[in-house]
Amino acid sequence: MAIALNIPSKTYRKENQKSVNEASLIAACLNEERWAQKELYEKFFGKMMGVCLRYSNNGEDAKDILNEGFIKVFRYLHRYKVGTSLNGWIRRIMINTSIDFYRKSIRHRTEDLEYAVNTKSTNEDAISNYSAKEILALIQKLPPSYRAVFNLYAIEGYSHRECAQQLGISESTSRSNLVKARTKLKVMLEKLYK
């Protein structure tokens, strides 16, 4: 169930104020000033929606993840260290929220490792011939267990050990799911243009 963030503008906010520096924006958010929360939300909405879309089955699930993630951002903003990357901090929350969503929505299962060992990728650069929208649509069609590992490993840069820890699976299952995700993506890309 999605929790909509309805953050109205504060009436006394100066109309000529184009942007607020990050430290001031965070301070205002910590004071629960709605205009600042809205500005923070709008500033990071697009980037974080992209993160959530990669981990979800569809746009509705992505919105659920995004809204839950922003609730956590506002709840734990006091833990953010000013001067570090706010984008990176929020991104980490969105990734962790996506993983939590994944854990809630599926059961973990061990995959057949022999299949992974015998499967090889023939053209690792084939994906560069397609648009980001096409690739995102295909990633969303992957089974959740494959999609989670693919996103964490191939896009976020996690190691298989880190993927395993985040998802509560073994490292070998992480490797297996990555190979299977890449294989499925390759098949889907081939079908897309045949």
N, C-alpha and C. Protein backbone atom coordinates (compact mmCIF):
# COMPACT_ATOMS: atom_id res chain seq x y z
N MET A 1 0.84 -1.18 0.00
CA MET A 1 0.00 0.00 0.00
C MET A 1 0.89 1.24 0.00
N ALA A 2 0.68 2.12 -0.91
CA ALA A 2 1.50 3.32 -1.04
C ALA A 2 1.06 4.38 -0.04
N ILE A 3 2.03 5.05 0.51
CA ILE A 3 1.75 6.18 1.39
C ILE A 3 2.15 7.42 0.60
N ALA A 4 1.19 8.19 0.22
CA ALA A 4 1.48 9.38 -0.60
C ALA A 4 2.05 10.47 0.28
N LEU A 5 3.10 11.08 -0.21
CA LEU A 5 3.68 12.21 0.50
C LEU A 5 3.06 13.48 -0.06
N ASN A 6 2.15 14.05 0.68
CA ASN A 6 1.50 15.28 0.26
C ASN A 6 2.12 16.40 1.08
N ILE A 7 3.11 17.07 0.48
CA ILE A 7 3.86 18.09 1.19
C ILE A 7 3.51 19.46 0.61
N PRO A 8 2.61 20.20 1.27
CA PRO A 8 2.22 21.51 0.74
C PRO A 8 3.31 22.54 0.94
N SER A 9 3.31 23.55 0.11
CA SER A 9 4.28 24.64 0.23
C SER A 9 3.94 25.49 1.45
N LYS A 10 4.95 25.98 2.12
CA LYS A 10 4.74 26.86 3.26
C LYS A 10 4.37 28.25 2.73
N THR A 11 3.35 28.84 3.28
CA THR A 11 2.82 30.09 2.73
C THR A 11 3.78 31.26 2.87
N TYR A 12 4.62 31.25 3.90
CA TYR A 12 5.51 32.39 4.08
C TYR A 12 6.83 32.26 3.34
N ARG A 13 7.02 31.22 2.60
CA ARG A 13 8.27 31.03 1.85
C ARG A 13 8.44 32.15 0.83
N LYS A 14 9.60 32.70 0.75
CA LYS A 14 9.87 33.78 -0.19
C LYS A 14 9.75 33.26 -1.62
N GLU A 15 8.99 33.95 -2.43
CA GLU A 15 8.80 33.53 -3.81
C GLU A 15 10.07 33.68 -4.65
N ASN A 16 10.92 34.64 -4.30
CA ASN A 16 12.13 34.84 -5.09
C ASN A 16 13.27 33.92 -4.69
N GLN A 17 13.05 33.09 -3.68
CA GLN A 17 14.08 32.16 -3.23
C GLN A 17 14.12 30.98 -4.19
N LYS A 18 15.17 30.90 -5.01
CA LYS A 18 15.24 29.86 -6.04
C LYS A 18 15.72 28.55 -5.47
N SER A 19 16.76 28.57 -4.69
CA SER A 19 17.22 27.34 -4.06
C SER A 19 17.89 27.68 -2.74
N VAL A 20 17.90 26.73 -1.89
CA VAL A 20 18.47 26.88 -0.57
C VAL A 20 19.71 25.99 -0.54
N ASN A 21 20.77 26.44 0.12
CA ASN A 21 21.93 25.56 0.18
C ASN A 21 21.58 24.31 0.96
N GLU A 22 22.34 23.26 0.73
CA GLU A 22 22.02 21.94 1.28
C GLU A 22 21.90 21.94 2.79
N ALA A 23 22.84 22.57 3.48
CA ALA A 23 22.82 22.59 4.95
C ALA A 23 21.56 23.29 5.47
N SER A 24 21.18 24.39 4.84
CA SER A 24 19.97 25.10 5.26
C SER A 24 18.72 24.28 4.98
N LEU A 25 18.73 23.60 3.83
CA LEU A 25 17.59 22.76 3.46
C LEU A 25 17.43 21.62 4.47
N ILE A 26 18.53 21.00 4.83
CA ILE A 26 18.47 19.90 5.80
C ILE A 26 18.02 20.41 7.16
N ALA A 27 18.54 21.56 7.58
CA ALA A 27 18.12 22.14 8.86
C ALA A 27 16.62 22.42 8.86
N ALA A 28 16.12 22.95 7.76
CA ALA A 28 14.68 23.23 7.66
C ALA A 28 13.88 21.93 7.69
N CYS A 29 14.37 20.90 7.03
CA CYS A 29 13.69 19.60 7.05
C CYS A 29 13.67 19.04 8.47
N LEU A 30 14.78 19.18 9.17
CA LEU A 30 14.84 18.69 10.55
C LEU A 30 13.87 19.45 11.46
N ASN A 31 13.58 20.70 11.10
CA ASN A 31 12.58 21.49 11.83
C ASN A 31 11.16 21.21 11.32
N GLU A 32 11.03 20.22 10.46
CA GLU A 32 9.76 19.77 9.90
C GLU A 32 9.04 20.86 9.14
N GLU A 33 9.81 21.68 8.44
CA GLU A 33 9.21 22.71 7.60
C GLU A 33 8.81 22.07 6.28
N ARG A 34 7.55 22.10 5.97
CA ARG A 34 6.99 21.40 4.81
C ARG A 34 7.58 21.86 3.49
N TRP A 35 7.84 23.16 3.33
CA TRP A 35 8.41 23.64 2.07
C TRP A 35 9.77 23.00 1.81
N ALA A 36 10.55 22.80 2.89
CA ALA A 36 11.88 22.19 2.74
C ALA A 36 11.76 20.71 2.41
N GLN A 37 10.82 20.03 3.05
CA GLN A 37 10.61 18.61 2.75
C GLN A 37 10.18 18.45 1.30
N LYS A 38 9.30 19.33 0.85
CA LYS A 38 8.85 19.28 -0.54
C LYS A 38 10.02 19.51 -1.49
N GLU A 39 10.85 20.50 -1.19
CA GLU A 39 11.98 20.80 -2.05
C GLU A 39 12.97 19.63 -2.12
N LEU A 40 13.25 19.01 -0.97
CA LEU A 40 14.15 17.85 -0.94
C LEU A 40 13.56 16.70 -1.75
N TYR A 41 12.27 16.46 -1.56
CA TYR A 41 11.58 15.40 -2.29
C TYR A 41 11.65 15.65 -3.80
N GLU A 42 11.33 16.86 -4.22
CA GLU A 42 11.33 17.18 -5.65
C GLU A 42 12.74 17.14 -6.24
N LYS A 43 13.73 17.54 -5.45
CA LYS A 43 15.11 17.56 -5.94
C LYS A 43 15.61 16.15 -6.26
N PHE A 44 15.22 15.17 -5.47
CA PHE A 44 15.74 13.82 -5.63
C PHE A 44 14.74 12.83 -6.21
N PHE A 45 13.52 13.27 -6.47
CA PHE A 45 12.48 12.37 -6.96
C PHE A 45 12.91 11.59 -8.21
N GLY A 46 13.35 12.28 -9.24
CA GLY A 46 13.67 11.64 -10.52
C GLY A 46 14.76 10.59 -10.41
N LYS A 47 15.87 10.95 -9.78
CA LYS A 47 16.98 10.01 -9.64
C LYS A 47 16.58 8.79 -8.82
N MET A 48 15.88 9.03 -7.72
CA MET A 48 15.53 7.93 -6.83
C MET A 48 14.42 7.05 -7.41
N MET A 49 13.54 7.66 -8.22
CA MET A 49 12.52 6.86 -8.89
C MET A 49 13.20 5.89 -9.85
N GLY A 50 14.25 6.34 -10.51
CA GLY A 50 15.03 5.47 -11.39
C GLY A 50 15.61 4.28 -10.65
N VAL A 51 16.13 4.52 -9.45
CA VAL A 51 16.67 3.44 -8.62
C VAL A 51 15.56 2.46 -8.28
N CYS A 52 14.43 2.99 -7.82
CA CYS A 52 13.31 2.13 -7.40
C CYS A 52 12.73 1.33 -8.57
N LEU A 53 12.68 1.94 -9.75
CA LEU A 53 12.16 1.23 -10.92
C LEU A 53 13.00 0.01 -11.26
N ARG A 54 14.31 0.12 -11.08
CA ARG A 54 15.18 -1.00 -11.40
C ARG A 54 14.93 -2.20 -10.51
N TYR A 55 14.47 -1.97 -9.29
CA TYR A 55 14.27 -3.05 -8.34
C TYR A 55 12.83 -3.57 -8.31
N SER A 56 11.93 -2.92 -9.00
CA SER A 56 10.51 -3.28 -8.89
C SER A 56 9.99 -3.96 -10.15
N ASN A 57 8.80 -4.54 -10.02
CA ASN A 57 8.13 -5.19 -11.15
C ASN A 57 7.45 -4.18 -12.05
N ASN A 58 7.04 -3.06 -11.48
CA ASN A 58 6.25 -2.09 -12.23
C ASN A 58 6.32 -0.72 -11.56
N GLY A 59 5.70 0.25 -12.21
CA GLY A 59 5.72 1.61 -11.70
C GLY A 59 5.04 1.78 -10.35
N GLU A 60 3.97 1.05 -10.13
CA GLU A 60 3.25 1.17 -8.86
C GLU A 60 4.12 0.68 -7.69
N ASP A 61 4.78 -0.46 -7.87
CA ASP A 61 5.68 -0.95 -6.83
C ASP A 61 6.82 0.05 -6.61
N ALA A 62 7.33 0.63 -7.69
CA ALA A 62 8.42 1.60 -7.58
C ALA A 62 7.96 2.82 -6.77
N LYS A 63 6.73 3.27 -6.99
CA LYS A 63 6.21 4.41 -6.23
C LYS A 63 6.07 4.06 -4.74
N ASP A 64 5.62 2.83 -4.47
CA ASP A 64 5.53 2.38 -3.08
C ASP A 64 6.90 2.41 -2.41
N ILE A 65 7.90 1.87 -3.11
CA ILE A 65 9.26 1.84 -2.58
C ILE A 65 9.78 3.26 -2.38
N LEU A 66 9.56 4.11 -3.38
CA LEU A 66 10.03 5.49 -3.31
C LEU A 66 9.42 6.22 -2.13
N ASN A 67 8.11 6.11 -1.97
CA ASN A 67 7.44 6.81 -0.86
C ASN A 67 7.91 6.28 0.48
N GLU A 68 8.03 4.96 0.60
CA GLU A 68 8.53 4.39 1.85
C GLU A 68 9.97 4.85 2.11
N GLY A 69 10.76 4.91 1.05
CA GLY A 69 12.13 5.39 1.17
C GLY A 69 12.21 6.82 1.64
N PHE A 70 11.38 7.69 1.08
CA PHE A 70 11.41 9.09 1.50
C PHE A 70 10.90 9.26 2.93
N ILE A 71 9.99 8.44 3.35
CA ILE A 71 9.56 8.48 4.75
C ILE A 71 10.76 8.17 5.65
N LYS A 72 11.57 7.18 5.25
CA LYS A 72 12.78 6.86 6.01
C LYS A 72 13.79 8.00 5.95
N VAL A 73 13.91 8.63 4.79
CA VAL A 73 14.82 9.77 4.66
C VAL A 73 14.46 10.83 5.69
N PHE A 74 13.20 11.19 5.76
CA PHE A 74 12.79 12.24 6.69
C PHE A 74 12.88 11.77 8.14
N ARG A 75 12.62 10.50 8.39
CA ARG A 75 12.68 9.97 9.75
C ARG A 75 14.13 9.94 10.26
N TYR A 76 15.08 9.62 9.37
CA TYR A 76 16.46 9.44 9.80
C TYR A 76 17.40 10.56 9.33
N LEU A 77 16.86 11.66 8.88
CA LEU A 77 17.68 12.75 8.37
C LEU A 77 18.66 13.28 9.42
N HIS A 78 18.32 13.14 10.68
CA HIS A 78 19.23 13.57 11.75
C HIS A 78 20.54 12.78 11.75
N ARG A 79 20.55 11.62 11.10
CA ARG A 79 21.75 10.79 11.03
C ARG A 79 22.68 11.17 9.87
N TYR A 80 22.16 11.96 8.93
CA TYR A 80 22.96 12.38 7.79
C TYR A 80 24.06 13.33 8.25
N LYS A 81 25.28 13.13 7.72
CA LYS A 81 26.41 14.00 8.07
C LYS A 81 26.57 15.04 6.97
N VAL A 82 26.28 16.29 7.31
CA VAL A 82 26.41 17.39 6.35
C VAL A 82 27.84 17.42 5.84
N GLY A 83 27.98 17.58 4.53
CA GLY A 83 29.29 17.59 3.91
C GLY A 83 29.57 16.32 3.13
N THR A 84 28.87 15.24 3.49
CA THR A 84 28.97 14.01 2.71
C THR A 84 27.92 14.08 1.60
N SER A 85 27.93 13.12 0.72
CA SER A 85 27.01 13.12 -0.41
C SER A 85 25.58 12.83 0.02
N LEU A 86 24.73 13.84 -0.05
CA LEU A 86 23.31 13.65 0.27
C LEU A 86 22.67 12.71 -0.74
N ASN A 87 23.03 12.87 -2.01
CA ASN A 87 22.52 11.98 -3.05
C ASN A 87 22.87 10.53 -2.74
N GLY A 88 24.11 10.27 -2.35
CA GLY A 88 24.55 8.91 -2.02
C GLY A 88 23.83 8.36 -0.80
N TRP A 89 23.61 9.22 0.20
CA TRP A 89 22.94 8.79 1.41
C TRP A 89 21.48 8.41 1.12
N ILE A 90 20.80 9.24 0.34
CA ILE A 90 19.41 8.96 -0.01
C ILE A 90 19.34 7.72 -0.91
N ARG A 91 20.28 7.60 -1.85
CA ARG A 91 20.32 6.44 -2.75
C ARG A 91 20.47 5.15 -1.95
N ARG A 92 21.33 5.15 -0.93
CA ARG A 92 21.52 3.96 -0.09
C ARG A 92 20.21 3.59 0.60
N ILE A 93 19.48 4.59 1.08
CA ILE A 93 18.19 4.31 1.72
C ILE A 93 17.22 3.70 0.71
N MET A 94 17.19 4.23 -0.51
CA MET A 94 16.29 3.70 -1.53
C MET A 94 16.66 2.26 -1.90
N ILE A 95 17.94 1.98 -2.00
CA ILE A 95 18.38 0.61 -2.31
C ILE A 95 17.97 -0.32 -1.18
N ASN A 96 18.23 0.08 0.06
CA ASN A 96 17.87 -0.77 1.19
C ASN A 96 16.35 -0.95 1.30
N THR A 97 15.59 0.09 1.00
CA THR A 97 14.14 -0.02 1.00
C THR A 97 13.68 -0.97 -0.10
N SER A 98 14.33 -0.91 -1.25
CA SER A 98 14.01 -1.82 -2.36
C SER A 98 14.30 -3.26 -1.96
N ILE A 99 15.41 -3.47 -1.28
CA ILE A 99 15.77 -4.82 -0.82
C ILE A 99 14.75 -5.31 0.20
N ASP A 100 14.35 -4.43 1.12
CA ASP A 100 13.32 -4.80 2.09
C ASP A 100 12.03 -5.19 1.39
N PHE A 101 11.66 -4.43 0.36
CA PHE A 101 10.45 -4.73 -0.41
C PHE A 101 10.59 -6.10 -1.06
N TYR A 102 11.75 -6.36 -1.63
CA TYR A 102 12.04 -7.66 -2.26
C TYR A 102 11.89 -8.78 -1.24
N ARG A 103 12.46 -8.60 -0.06
CA ARG A 103 12.39 -9.64 0.98
C ARG A 103 10.95 -9.93 1.39
N LYS A 104 10.15 -8.89 1.45
CA LYS A 104 8.76 -9.07 1.86
C LYS A 104 7.93 -9.76 0.78
N SER A 105 8.30 -9.56 -0.48
CA SER A 105 7.43 -10.02 -1.55
C SER A 105 7.73 -11.41 -2.11
N ILE A 106 8.90 -11.95 -1.83
CA ILE A 106 9.18 -13.29 -2.36
C ILE A 106 9.87 -14.16 -1.32
N ARG A 107 9.82 -15.43 -1.56
CA ARG A 107 10.58 -16.37 -0.75
C ARG A 107 11.91 -16.58 -1.43
N HIS A 108 12.94 -16.73 -0.63
CA HIS A 108 14.26 -17.01 -1.20
C HIS A 108 14.32 -18.47 -1.59
N ARG A 109 14.98 -18.73 -2.69
CA ARG A 109 15.15 -20.12 -3.09
C ARG A 109 16.55 -20.29 -3.66
N THR A 110 17.10 -21.44 -3.44
CA THR A 110 18.43 -21.74 -3.97
C THR A 110 18.27 -22.19 -5.40
N GLU A 111 19.10 -21.64 -6.26
CA GLU A 111 19.03 -21.94 -7.68
C GLU A 111 20.00 -23.04 -8.05
N ASP A 112 19.79 -23.66 -9.17
CA ASP A 112 20.62 -24.73 -9.68
C ASP A 112 21.98 -24.17 -10.11
N LEU A 113 23.03 -24.50 -9.37
CA LEU A 113 24.35 -23.95 -9.64
C LEU A 113 24.97 -24.54 -10.90
N GLU A 114 24.64 -25.76 -11.22
CA GLU A 114 25.21 -26.38 -12.42
C GLU A 114 24.84 -25.58 -13.67
N TYR A 115 23.62 -25.08 -13.71
CA TYR A 115 23.18 -24.26 -14.84
C TYR A 115 24.07 -23.03 -14.97
N ALA A 116 24.38 -22.39 -13.85
CA ALA A 116 25.20 -21.18 -13.87
C ALA A 116 26.62 -21.46 -14.33
N VAL A 117 27.16 -22.57 -13.90
CA VAL A 117 28.53 -22.92 -14.27
C VAL A 117 28.65 -23.14 -15.77
N ASN A 118 27.63 -23.75 -16.37
CA ASN A 118 27.69 -24.10 -17.79
C ASN A 118 27.18 -23.00 -18.72
N THR A 119 26.75 -21.88 -18.16
CA THR A 119 26.23 -20.79 -18.97
C THR A 119 27.28 -19.71 -19.11
N LYS A 120 27.51 -19.27 -20.34
CA LYS A 120 28.50 -18.22 -20.60
C LYS A 120 27.86 -17.12 -21.42
N SER A 121 28.32 -15.90 -21.20
CA SER A 121 27.85 -14.76 -21.98
C SER A 121 28.77 -14.60 -23.18
N THR A 122 28.20 -14.47 -24.38
CA THR A 122 29.02 -14.39 -25.58
C THR A 122 29.36 -12.97 -25.97
N ASN A 123 28.45 -12.02 -25.74
CA ASN A 123 28.70 -10.64 -26.13
C ASN A 123 28.30 -9.71 -25.00
N GLU A 124 29.26 -9.35 -24.16
CA GLU A 124 28.97 -8.54 -22.98
C GLU A 124 28.61 -7.11 -23.32
N ASP A 125 28.92 -6.62 -24.53
CA ASP A 125 28.63 -5.25 -24.89
C ASP A 125 27.32 -5.11 -25.67
N ALA A 126 26.59 -6.19 -25.86
CA ALA A 126 25.36 -6.16 -26.65
C ALA A 126 24.33 -5.20 -26.06
N ILE A 127 24.32 -5.05 -24.77
CA ILE A 127 23.33 -4.22 -24.11
C ILE A 127 23.48 -2.74 -24.47
N SER A 128 24.67 -2.33 -24.88
CA SER A 128 24.90 -0.92 -25.21
C SER A 128 24.17 -0.47 -26.47
N ASN A 129 23.61 -1.42 -27.24
CA ASN A 129 22.89 -1.08 -28.46
C ASN A 129 21.43 -0.70 -28.22
N TYR A 130 20.98 -0.74 -26.97
CA TYR A 130 19.57 -0.52 -26.66
C TYR A 130 19.41 0.72 -25.79
N SER A 131 18.22 1.31 -25.83
CA SER A 131 17.96 2.51 -25.03
C SER A 131 17.78 2.13 -23.56
N ALA A 132 17.97 3.11 -22.70
CA ALA A 132 17.81 2.89 -21.26
C ALA A 132 16.38 2.46 -20.94
N LYS A 133 15.41 3.02 -21.64
CA LYS A 133 14.01 2.66 -21.40
C LYS A 133 13.75 1.19 -21.74
N GLU A 134 14.31 0.74 -22.87
CA GLU A 134 14.15 -0.66 -23.27
C GLU A 134 14.81 -1.59 -22.26
N ILE A 135 15.99 -1.23 -21.81
CA ILE A 135 16.71 -2.06 -20.85
C ILE A 135 15.98 -2.11 -19.52
N LEU A 136 15.49 -0.96 -19.05
CA LEU A 136 14.74 -0.91 -17.79
C LEU A 136 13.50 -1.80 -17.87
N ALA A 137 12.79 -1.74 -18.98
CA ALA A 137 11.59 -2.56 -19.15
C ALA A 137 11.94 -4.05 -19.08
N LEU A 138 13.06 -4.42 -19.65
CA LEU A 138 13.48 -5.82 -19.62
C LEU A 138 13.94 -6.23 -18.22
N ILE A 139 14.65 -5.35 -17.53
CA ILE A 139 15.09 -5.66 -16.17
C ILE A 139 13.88 -5.88 -15.27
N GLN A 140 12.83 -5.11 -15.49
CA GLN A 140 11.62 -5.26 -14.67
C GLN A 140 10.92 -6.60 -14.92
N LYS A 141 11.19 -7.22 -16.07
CA LYS A 141 10.58 -8.51 -16.39
C LYS A 141 11.34 -9.68 -15.77
N LEU A 142 12.54 -9.44 -15.26
CA LEU A 142 13.31 -10.51 -14.62
C LEU A 142 12.60 -10.97 -13.35
N PRO A 143 12.74 -12.25 -13.00
CA PRO A 143 12.22 -12.69 -11.71
C PRO A 143 12.88 -11.87 -10.59
N PRO A 144 12.16 -11.61 -9.51
CA PRO A 144 12.69 -10.74 -8.45
C PRO A 144 14.07 -11.14 -7.92
N SER A 145 14.32 -12.43 -7.77
CA SER A 145 15.62 -12.86 -7.25
C SER A 145 16.75 -12.53 -8.21
N TYR A 146 16.51 -12.68 -9.51
CA TYR A 146 17.53 -12.34 -10.51
C TYR A 146 17.71 -10.82 -10.58
N ARG A 147 16.58 -10.10 -10.58
CA ARG A 147 16.60 -8.64 -10.71
C ARG A 147 17.37 -8.00 -9.55
N ALA A 148 17.15 -8.49 -8.34
CA ALA A 148 17.81 -7.91 -7.17
C ALA A 148 19.33 -8.08 -7.27
N VAL A 149 19.78 -9.27 -7.60
CA VAL A 149 21.22 -9.51 -7.72
C VAL A 149 21.80 -8.71 -8.88
N PHE A 150 21.10 -8.69 -10.02
CA PHE A 150 21.59 -7.94 -11.18
C PHE A 150 21.77 -6.47 -10.83
N ASN A 151 20.78 -5.87 -10.19
CA ASN A 151 20.86 -4.46 -9.81
C ASN A 151 22.00 -4.20 -8.83
N LEU A 152 22.08 -5.02 -7.80
CA LEU A 152 23.11 -4.80 -6.79
C LEU A 152 24.51 -4.99 -7.36
N TYR A 153 24.70 -6.05 -8.14
CA TYR A 153 26.04 -6.36 -8.65
C TYR A 153 26.41 -5.53 -9.87
N ALA A 154 25.58 -5.59 -10.90
CA ALA A 154 25.94 -4.97 -12.17
C ALA A 154 25.76 -3.46 -12.18
N ILE A 155 24.80 -2.94 -11.44
CA ILE A 155 24.52 -1.51 -11.49
C ILE A 155 25.07 -0.77 -10.28
N GLU A 156 24.86 -1.32 -9.09
CA GLU A 156 25.31 -0.64 -7.88
C GLU A 156 26.76 -0.93 -7.52
N GLY A 157 27.34 -1.99 -8.08
CA GLY A 157 28.74 -2.30 -7.84
C GLY A 157 29.03 -3.10 -6.58
N TYR A 158 28.03 -3.76 -6.04
CA TYR A 158 28.25 -4.60 -4.88
C TYR A 158 29.04 -5.84 -5.28
N SER A 159 29.75 -6.45 -4.34
CA SER A 159 30.40 -7.73 -4.58
C SER A 159 29.36 -8.83 -4.34
N HIS A 160 29.69 -10.05 -4.74
CA HIS A 160 28.74 -11.15 -4.49
C HIS A 160 28.57 -11.39 -2.99
N ARG A 161 29.62 -11.16 -2.23
CA ARG A 161 29.51 -11.31 -0.78
C ARG A 161 28.51 -10.29 -0.23
N GLU A 162 28.60 -9.04 -0.69
CA GLU A 162 27.68 -8.00 -0.23
C GLU A 162 26.25 -8.28 -0.69
N CYS A 163 26.10 -8.75 -1.93
CA CYS A 163 24.77 -9.12 -2.43
C CYS A 163 24.17 -10.20 -1.54
N ALA A 164 24.97 -11.20 -1.25
CA ALA A 164 24.51 -12.32 -0.42
C ALA A 164 24.07 -11.83 0.95
N GLN A 165 24.85 -10.96 1.55
CA GLN A 165 24.51 -10.43 2.88
C GLN A 165 23.23 -9.61 2.82
N GLN A 166 23.09 -8.76 1.82
CA GLN A 166 21.91 -7.91 1.70
C GLN A 166 20.64 -8.72 1.47
N LEU A 167 20.75 -9.78 0.67
CA LEU A 167 19.57 -10.53 0.27
C LEU A 167 19.33 -11.79 1.09
N GLY A 168 20.25 -12.13 1.96
CA GLY A 168 20.09 -13.32 2.80
C GLY A 168 20.22 -14.61 2.00
N ILE A 169 21.13 -14.62 1.04
CA ILE A 169 21.37 -15.81 0.21
C ILE A 169 22.86 -16.12 0.27
N SER A 170 23.26 -17.25 -0.31
CA SER A 170 24.68 -17.59 -0.34
C SER A 170 25.37 -16.85 -1.50
N GLU A 171 26.70 -16.75 -1.44
CA GLU A 171 27.45 -16.12 -2.52
C GLU A 171 27.28 -16.89 -3.82
N SER A 172 27.24 -18.20 -3.74
CA SER A 172 27.08 -19.00 -4.96
C SER A 172 25.71 -18.78 -5.58
N THR A 173 24.69 -18.58 -4.77
CA THR A 173 23.36 -18.27 -5.30
C THR A 173 23.37 -16.89 -5.95
N SER A 174 24.10 -15.96 -5.37
CA SER A 174 24.22 -14.63 -5.97
C SER A 174 24.87 -14.74 -7.35
N ARG A 175 25.96 -15.50 -7.44
CA ARG A 175 26.62 -15.68 -8.74
C ARG A 175 25.69 -16.34 -9.75
N SER A 176 25.02 -17.36 -9.29
CA SER A 176 24.09 -18.10 -10.16
C SER A 176 22.98 -17.18 -10.67
N ASN A 177 22.39 -16.41 -9.76
CA ASN A 177 21.30 -15.52 -10.15
C ASN A 177 21.77 -14.44 -11.12
N LEU A 178 23.00 -13.98 -10.96
CA LEU A 178 23.55 -12.98 -11.88
C LEU A 178 23.70 -13.57 -13.28
N VAL A 179 24.26 -14.76 -13.36
CA VAL A 179 24.43 -15.40 -14.67
C VAL A 179 23.07 -15.62 -15.32
N LYS A 180 22.12 -16.10 -14.55
CA LYS A 180 20.78 -16.35 -15.09
C LYS A 180 20.11 -15.04 -15.52
N ALA A 181 20.31 -13.98 -14.75
CA ALA A 181 19.73 -12.68 -15.11
C ALA A 181 20.31 -12.20 -16.43
N ARG A 182 21.61 -12.30 -16.57
CA ARG A 182 22.25 -11.87 -17.82
C ARG A 182 21.79 -12.72 -19.00
N THR A 183 21.65 -14.02 -18.77
CA THR A 183 21.19 -14.91 -19.84
C THR A 183 19.77 -14.56 -20.25
N LYS A 184 18.89 -14.36 -19.27
CA LYS A 184 17.50 -13.99 -19.58
C LYS A 184 17.44 -12.65 -20.31
N LEU A 185 18.24 -11.68 -19.85
CA LEU A 185 18.26 -10.38 -20.53
C LEU A 185 18.71 -10.53 -21.98
N LYS A 186 19.71 -11.34 -22.20
CA LYS A 186 20.21 -11.55 -23.56
C LYS A 186 19.11 -12.15 -24.44
N VAL A 187 18.41 -13.15 -23.94
CA VAL A 187 17.33 -13.79 -24.70
C VAL A 187 16.22 -12.77 -24.98
N MET A 188 15.87 -11.98 -23.98
CA MET A 188 14.82 -10.97 -24.16
C MET A 188 15.23 -9.92 -25.17
N LEU A 189 16.51 -9.51 -25.13
CA LEU A 189 17.00 -8.52 -26.11
C LEU A 189 16.98 -9.09 -27.53
N GLU A 190 17.34 -10.35 -27.67
CA GLU A 190 17.31 -10.99 -28.98
C GLU A 190 15.89 -11.06 -29.52
N LYS A 191 14.95 -11.39 -28.66
CA LYS A 191 13.54 -11.46 -29.06
C LYS A 191 12.98 -10.08 -29.42
N LEU A 192 13.48 -9.07 -28.74
CA LEU A 192 12.99 -7.70 -28.94
C LEU A 192 13.21 -7.23 -30.38
N TYR A 193 14.32 -7.65 -30.96
CA TYR A 193 14.62 -7.16 -32.31
C TYR A 193 14.63 -8.23 -33.39
N LYS A 194 13.92 -9.32 -33.17
CA LYS A 194 13.79 -10.34 -34.20
C LYS A 194 12.50 -10.16 -34.95
